[in-house]
Amino acid sequence: MIDDKKGMELMRNNLCGETPLEIFQEMKIIQDQNQRATNKLISMVLSPHINDGENLSRKELKNITKEFLEGLDIDLDKSMFIAFLHTEKEHKHIHILLNRVDEKGRLLKDHHIGKQAQWSAHRVAEKNNLISAKQLRIDKIKESEIMDDSKTLRKEIYQKHLNVLAAKPITMEKYFAEMLKKNIQFLPAINKQGQLQGFRVRDIDSPTDMKASDVHRNMGLKNLLSTGLYFETDNFILNDKLQEIQQLNEPKEQGREVISNSAQTYTNNHSYLFKTSFTASQAEDDLGRKRKKKNKR
């Protein structure tokens, strides 16, 4: 069983053979005492995380193998097994061959042996401060559930955003107030230059907060301003690009006053044109006087 190219033998019990054939023949002698069973050999692989495998010594690997087998209620003194370490690959792993038949022909119970092996490996990892494959799977499932919850929450927040925009708020302040009524709070993010960089959105019911643009790109600061909203107050400093959008969105009341004043000035400056104008009645009177003069002649 010793092959320097592939690895080394880690431990064995109740076996004397040196070659794989000799070892299987030894096991078969015991297995023949039970003629009813068909599955008489249990093969397992104990695979430490790649980072742990690089740091564990041969002695430590042997100890975790013992603890793993004890976790499966294997009697290490009476059972027939062999464990060898494979090191030919970057990821070290331990192969275990266990004779399921004991000296009296009785079978080792293997009911749910796969699940039992997972839990035994998990407990060994926890005890020795190692990375547990089962814990990684559990964490991955939890992370997936969190991602699903986050995806659902983002959809709900974005729908509230659409509902508020449908009511056509004019200012950003009005938009924030309406979103707050729906338990969505906007928290300003200010950069080192003191400029408003964007907003984080907090769901008051959760409470969970995330970048507004992470909820949906349309909820980013630039896109919000691009809908026509504008800041009514000057509480925030905007960068040049955002300021341009802000100015485009601001109401043109001041501009209309300038136009109105200009028109009034024009009217005042040119009022003399209308003072010399003739009305229809004045034209008829003048024409009548001219006719009378002709008749007198």
C-alpha atoms as a PDB file:
ATOM      1  CA  MET A   1       0.000   0.000   0.000  1.00  0.00           C
ATOM      2  CA  ILE A   2       2.996   2.306   0.265  1.00  0.00           C
ATOM      3  CA  ASP A   3       3.562   4.262  -2.949  1.00  0.00           C
ATOM      4  CA  ASP A   4       5.832   7.256  -2.659  1.00  0.00           C
ATOM      5  CA  LYS A   5       4.377   8.722  -5.845  1.00  0.00           C
ATOM      6  CA  LYS A   6       0.802   8.743  -4.536  1.00  0.00           C
ATOM      7  CA  GLY A   7       1.140   9.040  -0.792  1.00  0.00           C
ATOM      8  CA  MET A   8       1.663   6.958   2.312  1.00  0.00           C
ATOM      9  CA  GLU A   9      -0.069   4.643   4.716  1.00  0.00           C
ATOM     10  CA  LEU A  10      -1.484   6.560   7.659  1.00  0.00           C
ATOM     11  CA  MET A  11      -2.766   3.798   9.969  1.00  0.00           C
ATOM     12  CA  ARG A  12      -4.197   0.283   9.996  1.00  0.00           C
ATOM     13  CA  ASN A  13      -5.739  -2.251  12.386  1.00  0.00           C
ATOM     14  CA  ASN A  14      -5.923  -6.069  12.346  1.00  0.00           C
ATOM     15  CA  LEU A  15      -4.192  -6.250   8.968  1.00  0.00           C
ATOM     16  CA  CYS A  16      -0.765  -7.659   8.151  1.00  0.00           C
ATOM     17  CA  GLY A  17      -0.622  -7.693   4.343  1.00  0.00           C
ATOM     18  CA  GLU A  18       1.860  -5.504   2.501  1.00  0.00           C
ATOM     19  CA  THR A  19       0.288  -5.393  -0.938  1.00  0.00           C
ATOM     20  CA  PRO A  20      -3.281  -4.466  -1.877  1.00  0.00           C
ATOM     21  CA  LEU A  21      -3.969  -8.074  -2.866  1.00  0.00           C
ATOM     22  CA  GLU A  22      -2.771  -9.439   0.468  1.00  0.00           C
ATOM     23  CA  ILE A  23      -4.879  -6.937   2.378  1.00  0.00           C
ATOM     24  CA  PHE A  24      -8.055  -7.737   0.396  1.00  0.00           C
ATOM     25  CA  GLN A  25      -7.455 -11.455   0.902  1.00  0.00           C
ATOM     26  CA  GLU A  26      -7.215 -10.921   4.671  1.00  0.00           C
ATOM     27  CA  MET A  27     -10.472  -9.021   4.649  1.00  0.00           C
ATOM     28  CA  LYS A  28     -12.140 -11.668   2.523  1.00  0.00           C
ATOM     29  CA  ILE A  29     -11.364 -14.383   5.068  1.00  0.00           C
ATOM     30  CA  ILE A  30     -13.426 -12.487   7.637  1.00  0.00           C
ATOM     31  CA  GLN A  31     -16.109 -11.469   5.130  1.00  0.00           C
ATOM     32  CA  ASP A  32     -16.711 -15.103   4.141  1.00  0.00           C
ATOM     33  CA  GLN A  33     -18.084 -15.716   7.609  1.00  0.00           C
ATOM     34  CA  ASN A  34     -21.206 -13.851   6.538  1.00  0.00           C
ATOM     35  CA  GLN A  35     -22.749 -15.366   3.420  1.00  0.00           C
ATOM     36  CA  ARG A  36     -25.947 -13.335   3.439  1.00  0.00           C
ATOM     37  CA  ALA A  37     -24.569  -9.802   3.064  1.00  0.00           C
ATOM     38  CA  THR A  38     -23.543  -8.407  -0.311  1.00  0.00           C
ATOM     39  CA  ASN A  39     -21.968  -5.116   0.736  1.00  0.00           C
ATOM     40  CA  LYS A  40     -19.164  -6.156   3.051  1.00  0.00           C
ATOM     41  CA  LEU A  41     -16.663  -3.344   2.514  1.00  0.00           C
ATOM     42  CA  ILE A  42     -17.091   0.337   3.374  1.00  0.00           C
ATOM     43  CA  SER A  43     -14.974   2.852   1.458  1.00  0.00           C
ATOM     44  CA  MET A  44     -14.766   6.436   2.707  1.00  0.00           C
ATOM     45  CA  VAL A  45     -12.746   9.531   1.889  1.00  0.00           C
ATOM     46  CA  LEU A  46     -11.847  12.098   4.531  1.00  0.00           C
ATOM     47  CA  SER A  47     -10.899  15.314   2.758  1.00  0.00           C
ATOM     48  CA  PRO A  48      -9.633  18.262   4.821  1.00  0.00           C
ATOM     49  CA  HIS A  49      -9.955  21.708   3.267  1.00  0.00           C
ATOM     50  CA  ILE A  50      -7.047  22.439   0.926  1.00  0.00           C
ATOM     51  CA  ASN A  51      -5.714  25.159   3.269  1.00  0.00           C
ATOM     52  CA  ASP A  52      -5.862  22.843   6.291  1.00  0.00           C
ATOM     53  CA  GLY A  53      -4.295  19.976   4.359  1.00  0.00           C
ATOM     54  CA  GLU A  54      -1.198  22.041   3.659  1.00  0.00           C
ATOM     55  CA  ASN A  55      -0.648  22.755   7.361  1.00  0.00           C
ATOM     56  CA  LEU A  56      -1.606  19.455   9.012  1.00  0.00           C
ATOM     57  CA  SER A  57       1.233  17.114   9.942  1.00  0.00           C
ATOM     58  CA  ARG A  58       1.081  13.359   9.463  1.00  0.00           C
ATOM     59  CA  LYS A  59       0.440  12.933  13.187  1.00  0.00           C
ATOM     60  CA  GLU A  60      -2.429  15.414  13.099  1.00  0.00           C
ATOM     61  CA  LEU A  61      -3.925  13.722  10.036  1.00  0.00           C
ATOM     62  CA  LYS A  62      -3.751  10.387  11.862  1.00  0.00           C
ATOM     63  CA  ASN A  63      -5.497  11.860  14.908  1.00  0.00           C
ATOM     64  CA  ILE A  64      -8.383  13.355  12.923  1.00  0.00           C
ATOM     65  CA  THR A  65      -8.788   9.982  11.144  1.00  0.00           C
ATOM     66  CA  LYS A  66      -9.139   8.269  14.536  1.00  0.00           C
ATOM     67  CA  GLU A  67     -11.635  10.861  15.734  1.00  0.00           C
ATOM     68  CA  PHE A  68     -13.590  10.518  12.506  1.00  0.00           C
ATOM     69  CA  LEU A  69     -13.890   6.734  12.854  1.00  0.00           C
ATOM     70  CA  GLU A  70     -14.792   6.996  16.549  1.00  0.00           C
ATOM     71  CA  GLY A  71     -17.545   9.401  15.546  1.00  0.00           C
ATOM     72  CA  LEU A  72     -19.017   6.535  13.505  1.00  0.00           C
ATOM     73  CA  ASP A  73     -18.895   4.218  16.562  1.00  0.00           C
ATOM     74  CA  ILE A  74     -16.061   2.219  15.027  1.00  0.00           C
ATOM     75  CA  ASP A  75     -14.094   0.183  17.566  1.00  0.00           C
ATOM     76  CA  LEU A  76     -10.522   1.053  16.649  1.00  0.00           C
ATOM     77  CA  ASP A  77      -9.133  -1.966  18.538  1.00  0.00           C
ATOM     78  CA  LYS A  78     -11.412  -4.647  17.078  1.00  0.00           C
ATOM     79  CA  SER A  79     -12.337  -3.422  13.612  1.00  0.00           C
ATOM     80  CA  MET A  80     -10.350  -4.257  10.479  1.00  0.00           C
ATOM     81  CA  PHE A  81      -9.428  -1.175   8.459  1.00  0.00           C
ATOM     82  CA  ILE A  82      -6.665   0.696   6.712  1.00  0.00           C
ATOM     83  CA  ALA A  83      -6.240   4.418   5.991  1.00  0.00           C
ATOM     84  CA  PHE A  84      -3.768   5.883   3.545  1.00  0.00           C
ATOM     85  CA  LEU A  85      -2.995   9.475   2.660  1.00  0.00           C
ATOM     86  CA  HIS A  86      -2.997  10.621  -0.960  1.00  0.00           C
ATOM     87  CA  THR A  87      -0.575  13.476  -1.588  1.00  0.00           C
ATOM     88  CA  GLU A  88      -0.109  13.227  -5.376  1.00  0.00           C
ATOM     89  CA  LYS A  89      -2.649  16.020  -5.816  1.00  0.00           C
ATOM     90  CA  GLU A  90      -2.613  19.518  -4.342  1.00  0.00           C
ATOM     91  CA  HIS A  91      -5.656  18.644  -2.255  1.00  0.00           C
ATOM     92  CA  LYS A  92      -4.609  16.045   0.323  1.00  0.00           C
ATOM     93  CA  HIS A  93      -7.218  13.419   1.216  1.00  0.00           C
ATOM     94  CA  ILE A  94      -7.447  10.227   3.234  1.00  0.00           C
ATOM     95  CA  HIS A  95      -8.860   6.965   1.842  1.00  0.00           C
ATOM     96  CA  ILE A  96     -10.315   4.565   4.391  1.00  0.00           C
ATOM     97  CA  LEU A  97     -11.232   0.929   3.698  1.00  0.00           C
ATOM     98  CA  LEU A  98     -13.257  -0.653   6.504  1.00  0.00           C
ATOM     99  CA  ASN A  99     -14.266  -4.303   6.714  1.00  0.00           C
ATOM    100  CA  ARG A 100     -17.943  -4.304   7.581  1.00  0.00           C
ATOM    101  CA  VAL A 101     -17.861  -7.891   8.887  1.00  0.00           C
ATOM    102  CA  ASP A 102     -16.345  -8.599  12.310  1.00  0.00           C
ATOM    103  CA  GLU A 103     -14.656 -11.784  13.495  1.00  0.00           C
ATOM    104  CA  LYS A 104     -18.014 -13.318  14.498  1.00  0.00           C
ATOM    105  CA  GLY A 105     -19.562 -12.658  11.104  1.00  0.00           C
ATOM    106  CA  ARG A 106     -21.729  -9.775  12.327  1.00  0.00           C
ATOM    107  CA  LEU A 107     -22.252  -6.713  10.189  1.00  0.00           C
ATOM    108  CA  LEU A 108     -21.424  -3.194  11.148  1.00  0.00           C
ATOM    109  CA  LYS A 109     -24.569  -1.114  10.830  1.00  0.00           C
ATOM    110  CA  ASP A 110     -24.295   1.174   7.838  1.00  0.00           C
ATOM    111  CA  HIS A 111     -27.730   2.776   7.980  1.00  0.00           C
ATOM    112  CA  HIS A 112     -27.332   6.381   6.683  1.00  0.00           C
ATOM    113  CA  ILE A 113     -23.577   5.904   6.822  1.00  0.00           C
ATOM    114  CA  GLY A 114     -23.083   8.764   4.352  1.00  0.00           C
ATOM    115  CA  LYS A 115     -24.925  11.303   6.543  1.00  0.00           C
ATOM    116  CA  GLN A 116     -23.211   9.987   9.657  1.00  0.00           C
ATOM    117  CA  ALA A 117     -19.828  10.412   7.983  1.00  0.00           C
ATOM    118  CA  GLN A 118     -20.639  14.044   7.103  1.00  0.00           C
ATOM    119  CA  TRP A 119     -21.604  14.875  10.666  1.00  0.00           C
ATOM    120  CA  SER A 120     -18.593  13.045  12.096  1.00  0.00           C
ATOM    121  CA  ALA A 121     -16.246  14.992   9.806  1.00  0.00           C
ATOM    122  CA  HIS A 122     -18.023  18.210  10.776  1.00  0.00           C
ATOM    123  CA  ARG A 123     -17.566  17.549  14.498  1.00  0.00           C
ATOM    124  CA  VAL A 124     -13.888  16.689  13.965  1.00  0.00           C
ATOM    125  CA  ALA A 125     -13.373  19.947  12.087  1.00  0.00           C
ATOM    126  CA  GLU A 126     -15.070  21.976  14.828  1.00  0.00           C
ATOM    127  CA  LYS A 127     -13.051  20.278  17.555  1.00  0.00           C
ATOM    128  CA  ASN A 128      -9.746  20.942  15.799  1.00  0.00           C
ATOM    129  CA  ASN A 129     -10.578  24.426  14.512  1.00  0.00           C
ATOM    130  CA  LEU A 130     -10.555  23.234  10.910  1.00  0.00           C
ATOM    131  CA  ILE A 131     -12.698  24.303   7.970  1.00  0.00           C
ATOM    132  CA  SER A 132     -15.802  22.143   7.787  1.00  0.00           C
ATOM    133  CA  ALA A 133     -17.193  21.202   4.376  1.00  0.00           C
ATOM    134  CA  LYS A 134     -20.614  20.811   5.927  1.00  0.00           C
ATOM    135  CA  GLN A 135     -20.395  24.259   7.516  1.00  0.00           C
ATOM    136  CA  LEU A 136     -19.370  25.711   4.162  1.00  0.00           C
ATOM    137  CA  ARG A 137     -22.475  24.160   2.614  1.00  0.00           C
ATOM    138  CA  ILE A 138     -24.641  25.499   5.448  1.00  0.00           C
ATOM    139  CA  ASP A 139     -23.129  28.972   5.051  1.00  0.00           C
ATOM    140  CA  LYS A 140     -23.682  28.819   1.312  1.00  0.00           C
ATOM    141  CA  ILE A 141     -27.337  27.916   1.810  1.00  0.00           C
ATOM    142  CA  LYS A 142     -27.765  30.747   4.315  1.00  0.00           C
ATOM    143  CA  GLU A 143     -26.046  33.152   1.946  1.00  0.00           C
ATOM    144  CA  SER A 144     -28.347  32.026  -0.839  1.00  0.00           C
ATOM    145  CA  GLU A 145     -31.375  32.578   1.393  1.00  0.00           C
ATOM    146  CA  ILE A 146     -30.105  36.036   2.327  1.00  0.00           C
ATOM    147  CA  MET A 147     -29.585  36.832  -1.356  1.00  0.00           C
ATOM    148  CA  ASP A 148     -33.141  35.701  -2.119  1.00  0.00           C
ATOM    149  CA  ASP A 149     -34.501  37.845   0.722  1.00  0.00           C
ATOM    150  CA  SER A 150     -32.405  40.786  -0.442  1.00  0.00           C
ATOM    151  CA  LYS A 151     -33.648  40.363  -4.007  1.00  0.00           C
ATOM    152  CA  THR A 152     -37.257  40.361  -2.806  1.00  0.00           C
ATOM    153  CA  LEU A 153     -36.645  43.433  -0.641  1.00  0.00           C
ATOM    154  CA  ARG A 154     -35.036  45.321  -3.542  1.00  0.00           C
ATOM    155  CA  LYS A 155     -38.067  44.590  -5.696  1.00  0.00           C
ATOM    156  CA  GLU A 156     -40.410  45.862  -2.988  1.00  0.00           C
ATOM    157  CA  ILE A 157     -38.410  49.078  -2.501  1.00  0.00           C
ATOM    158  CA  TYR A 158     -38.226  49.706  -6.235  1.00  0.00           C
ATOM    159  CA  GLN A 159     -41.978  49.228  -6.569  1.00  0.00           C
ATOM    160  CA  LYS A 160     -42.501  51.842  -3.857  1.00  0.00           C
ATOM    161  CA  HIS A 161     -40.167  54.122  -5.797  1.00  0.00           C
ATOM    162  CA  LEU A 162     -42.262  53.685  -8.941  1.00  0.00           C
ATOM    163  CA  ASN A 163     -45.476  54.339  -7.026  1.00  0.00           C
ATOM    164  CA  VAL A 164     -44.087  57.581  -5.587  1.00  0.00           C
ATOM    165  CA  LEU A 165     -42.867  58.773  -8.997  1.00  0.00           C
ATOM    166  CA  ALA A 166     -46.291  57.997 -10.453  1.00  0.00           C
ATOM    167  CA  ALA A 167     -47.696  60.658  -8.098  1.00  0.00           C
ATOM    168  CA  LYS A 168     -45.328  63.140  -9.822  1.00  0.00           C
ATOM    169  CA  PRO A 169     -43.469  64.755  -6.933  1.00  0.00           C
ATOM    170  CA  ILE A 170     -41.709  67.914  -8.066  1.00  0.00           C
ATOM    171  CA  THR A 171     -38.828  68.148  -5.621  1.00  0.00           C
ATOM    172  CA  MET A 172     -36.389  65.646  -4.181  1.00  0.00           C
ATOM    173  CA  GLU A 173     -37.562  66.640  -0.708  1.00  0.00           C
ATOM    174  CA  LYS A 174     -41.135  65.698  -1.627  1.00  0.00           C
ATOM    175  CA  TYR A 175     -39.931  62.400  -3.087  1.00  0.00           C
ATOM    176  CA  PHE A 176     -38.003  61.562   0.105  1.00  0.00           C
ATOM    177  CA  ALA A 177     -41.000  62.466   2.267  1.00  0.00           C
ATOM    178  CA  GLU A 178     -43.321  60.202   0.272  1.00  0.00           C
ATOM    179  CA  MET A 179     -40.818  57.337   0.390  1.00  0.00           C
ATOM    180  CA  LEU A 180     -40.487  57.802   4.153  1.00  0.00           C
ATOM    181  CA  LYS A 181     -44.257  57.354   4.444  1.00  0.00           C
ATOM    182  CA  LYS A 182     -43.662  53.947   2.905  1.00  0.00           C
ATOM    183  CA  ASN A 183     -40.962  53.242   5.554  1.00  0.00           C
ATOM    184  CA  ILE A 184     -38.076  53.830   3.146  1.00  0.00           C
ATOM    185  CA  GLN A 185     -35.477  56.292   4.426  1.00  0.00           C
ATOM    186  CA  PHE A 186     -32.796  57.956   2.308  1.00  0.00           C
ATOM    187  CA  LEU A 187     -29.428  58.558   3.993  1.00  0.00           C
ATOM    188  CA  PRO A 188     -27.008  60.968   2.242  1.00  0.00           C
ATOM    189  CA  ALA A 189     -23.474  59.830   1.427  1.00  0.00           C
ATOM    190  CA  ILE A 190     -20.992  62.713   1.418  1.00  0.00           C
ATOM    191  CA  ASN A 191     -17.526  62.370  -0.153  1.00  0.00           C
ATOM    192  CA  LYS A 192     -14.257  63.880   1.101  1.00  0.00           C
ATOM    193  CA  GLN A 193     -14.869  67.046  -0.889  1.00  0.00           C
ATOM    194  CA  GLY A 194     -18.109  67.584   1.015  1.00  0.00           C
ATOM    195  CA  GLN A 195     -20.183  66.871  -2.079  1.00  0.00           C
ATOM    196  CA  LEU A 196     -23.269  64.704  -2.152  1.00  0.00           C
ATOM    197  CA  GLN A 197     -22.145  61.438  -3.685  1.00  0.00           C
ATOM    198  CA  GLY A 198     -25.417  59.546  -3.459  1.00  0.00           C
ATOM    199  CA  PHE A 199     -27.811  57.960  -1.015  1.00  0.00           C
ATOM    200  CA  ARG A 200     -28.175  54.778   0.971  1.00  0.00           C
ATOM    201  CA  VAL A 201     -31.652  53.393   1.315  1.00  0.00           C
ATOM    202  CA  ARG A 202     -32.842  51.981   4.627  1.00  0.00           C
ATOM    203  CA  ASP A 203     -35.879  49.781   4.967  1.00  0.00           C
ATOM    204  CA  ILE A 204     -37.198  50.754   8.395  1.00  0.00           C
ATOM    205  CA  ASP A 205     -39.140  47.515   8.815  1.00  0.00           C
ATOM    206  CA  SER A 206     -36.072  45.250   8.392  1.00  0.00           C
ATOM    207  CA  PRO A 207     -33.928  47.305   9.131  1.00  0.00           C
ATOM    208  CA  THR A 208     -31.686  46.770   6.125  1.00  0.00           C
ATOM    209  CA  ASP A 209     -29.755  49.423   4.242  1.00  0.00           C
ATOM    210  CA  MET A 210     -27.985  49.404   0.897  1.00  0.00           C
ATOM    211  CA  LYS A 211     -26.878  51.810  -1.798  1.00  0.00           C
ATOM    212  CA  ALA A 212     -29.847  53.291  -3.618  1.00  0.00           C
ATOM    213  CA  SER A 213     -28.286  52.320  -6.942  1.00  0.00           C
ATOM    214  CA  ASP A 214     -28.004  48.716  -5.680  1.00  0.00           C
ATOM    215  CA  VAL A 215     -31.762  48.621  -5.233  1.00  0.00           C
ATOM    216  CA  HIS A 216     -32.083  49.661  -8.870  1.00  0.00           C
ATOM    217  CA  ARG A 217     -29.903  51.797 -11.113  1.00  0.00           C
ATOM    218  CA  ASN A 218     -32.853  54.143 -11.664  1.00  0.00           C
ATOM    219  CA  MET A 219     -32.730  55.039  -7.966  1.00  0.00           C
ATOM    220  CA  GLY A 220     -29.189  56.403  -8.165  1.00  0.00           C
ATOM    221  CA  LEU A 221     -28.803  60.141  -7.534  1.00  0.00           C
ATOM    222  CA  LYS A 222     -28.074  61.067 -11.159  1.00  0.00           C
ATOM    223  CA  ASN A 223     -31.020  59.050 -12.456  1.00  0.00           C
ATOM    224  CA  LEU A 224     -33.345  60.540  -9.837  1.00  0.00           C
ATOM    225  CA  LEU A 225     -32.381  64.033 -10.966  1.00  0.00           C
ATOM    226  CA  SER A 226     -32.781  62.934 -14.574  1.00  0.00           C
ATOM    227  CA  THR A 227     -36.475  62.261 -13.937  1.00  0.00           C
ATOM    228  CA  GLY A 228     -36.955  66.001 -13.469  1.00  0.00           C
ATOM    229  CA  LEU A 229     -36.719  66.142  -9.681  1.00  0.00           C
ATOM    230  CA  TYR A 230     -34.640  68.907  -8.144  1.00  0.00           C
ATOM    231  CA  PHE A 231     -33.456  69.979  -4.681  1.00  0.00           C
ATOM    232  CA  GLU A 232     -35.614  72.794  -3.399  1.00  0.00           C
ATOM    233  CA  THR A 233     -33.101  73.653  -0.690  1.00  0.00           C
ATOM    234  CA  ASP A 234     -29.341  74.040  -0.941  1.00  0.00           C
ATOM    235  CA  ASN A 235     -28.540  71.644   1.902  1.00  0.00           C
ATOM    236  CA  PHE A 236     -26.273  69.572  -0.345  1.00  0.00           C
ATOM    237  CA  ILE A 237     -23.276  70.460  -2.487  1.00  0.00           C
ATOM    238  CA  LEU A 238     -23.485  68.844  -5.928  1.00  0.00           C
ATOM    239  CA  ASN A 239     -20.655  68.203  -8.339  1.00  0.00           C
ATOM    240  CA  ASP A 240     -20.629  70.053 -11.667  1.00  0.00           C
ATOM    241  CA  LYS A 241     -22.480  67.390 -13.656  1.00  0.00           C
ATOM    242  CA  LEU A 242     -25.238  67.012 -11.089  1.00  0.00           C
ATOM    243  CA  GLN A 243     -25.456  70.776 -10.709  1.00  0.00           C
ATOM    244  CA  GLU A 244     -26.106  71.096 -14.440  1.00  0.00           C
ATOM    245  CA  ILE A 245     -29.018  68.658 -14.184  1.00  0.00           C
ATOM    246  CA  GLN A 246     -30.275  70.455 -11.073  1.00  0.00           C
ATOM    247  CA  GLN A 247     -30.316  73.790 -12.893  1.00  0.00           C
ATOM    248  CA  LEU A 248     -32.172  72.313 -15.846  1.00  0.00           C
ATOM    249  CA  ASN A 249     -34.824  70.930 -13.514  1.00  0.00           C
ATOM    250  CA  GLU A 250     -35.309  74.060 -11.436  1.00  0.00           C
ATOM    251  CA  PRO A 251     -38.499  76.010 -12.243  1.00  0.00           C
ATOM    252  CA  LYS A 252     -38.011  78.925 -14.651  1.00  0.00           C
ATOM    253  CA  GLU A 253     -40.070  81.437 -12.611  1.00  0.00           C
ATOM    254  CA  GLN A 254     -37.153  83.825 -12.336  1.00  0.00           C
ATOM    255  CA  GLY A 255     -36.604  83.608 -16.091  1.00  0.00           C
ATOM    256  CA  ARG A 256     -40.262  84.391 -16.796  1.00  0.00           C
ATOM    257  CA  GLU A 257     -40.049  87.494 -14.578  1.00  0.00           C
ATOM    258  CA  VAL A 258     -37.078  88.770 -16.572  1.00  0.00           C
ATOM    259  CA  ILE A 259     -38.971  88.285 -19.840  1.00  0.00           C
ATOM    260  CA  SER A 260     -42.053  90.027 -18.425  1.00  0.00           C
ATOM    261  CA  ASN A 261     -39.983  92.975 -17.184  1.00  0.00           C
ATOM    262  CA  SER A 262     -38.252  93.268 -20.553  1.00  0.00           C
ATOM    263  CA  ALA A 263     -41.591  93.318 -22.360  1.00  0.00           C
ATOM    264  CA  GLN A 264     -42.883  96.032 -20.025  1.00  0.00           C
ATOM    265  CA  THR A 265     -39.743  98.100 -20.581  1.00  0.00           C
ATOM    266  CA  TYR A 266     -40.147  97.741 -24.341  1.00  0.00           C
ATOM    267  CA  THR A 267     -43.758  98.884 -24.109  1.00  0.00           C
ATOM    268  CA  ASN A 268     -42.862 101.934 -22.051  1.00  0.00           C
ATOM    269  CA  ASN A 269     -39.976 102.956 -24.284  1.00  0.00           C
ATOM    270  CA  HIS A 270     -42.088 102.735 -27.433  1.00  0.00           C
ATOM    271  CA  SER A 271     -45.398 104.088 -26.132  1.00  0.00           C
ATOM    272  CA  TYR A 272     -45.176 107.171 -28.367  1.00  0.00           C
ATOM    273  CA  LEU A 273     -45.978 105.027 -31.391  1.00  0.00           C
ATOM    274  CA  PHE A 274     -49.435 104.426 -30.064  1.00  0.00           C
ATOM    275  CA  LYS A 275     -50.057 108.073 -29.061  1.00  0.00           C
ATOM    276  CA  THR A 276     -50.035 109.250 -32.742  1.00  0.00           C
ATOM    277  CA  SER A 277     -52.234 106.428 -33.914  1.00  0.00           C
ATOM    278  CA  PHE A 278     -55.682 107.222 -35.415  1.00  0.00           C
ATOM    279  CA  THR A 279     -58.889 105.605 -34.412  1.00  0.00           C
ATOM    280  CA  ALA A 280     -61.580 104.755 -37.008  1.00  0.00           C
ATOM    281  CA  SER A 281     -63.917 107.525 -35.759  1.00  0.00           C
ATOM    282  CA  GLN A 282     -61.199 110.152 -36.042  1.00  0.00           C
ATOM    283  CA  ALA A 283     -60.506 109.168 -39.659  1.00  0.00           C
ATOM    284  CA  GLU A 284     -64.197 109.449 -40.620  1.00  0.00           C
ATOM    285  CA  ASP A 285     -64.485 112.958 -39.078  1.00  0.00           C
ATOM    286  CA  ASP A 286     -61.467 114.232 -41.005  1.00  0.00           C
ATOM    287  CA  LEU A 287     -62.821 112.810 -44.253  1.00  0.00           C
ATOM    288  CA  GLY A 288     -66.196 114.557 -43.649  1.00  0.00           C
ATOM    289  CA  ARG A 289     -64.554 117.926 -43.108  1.00  0.00           C
ATOM    290  CA  LYS A 290     -62.594 117.605 -46.355  1.00  0.00           C
ATOM    291  CA  ARG A 291     -65.818 116.906 -48.302  1.00  0.00           C
ATOM    292  CA  LYS A 292     -67.520 119.984 -46.844  1.00  0.00           C
ATOM    293  CA  LYS A 293     -64.643 122.195 -47.959  1.00  0.00           C
ATOM    294  CA  LYS A 294     -64.939 120.869 -51.536  1.00  0.00           C
ATOM    295  CA  ASN A 295     -68.689 121.496 -51.621  1.00  0.00           C
ATOM    296  CA  LYS A 296     -68.200 125.119 -50.504  1.00  0.00           C
ATOM    297  CA  ARG A 297     -65.894 125.693 -53.420  1.00  0.00           C
END
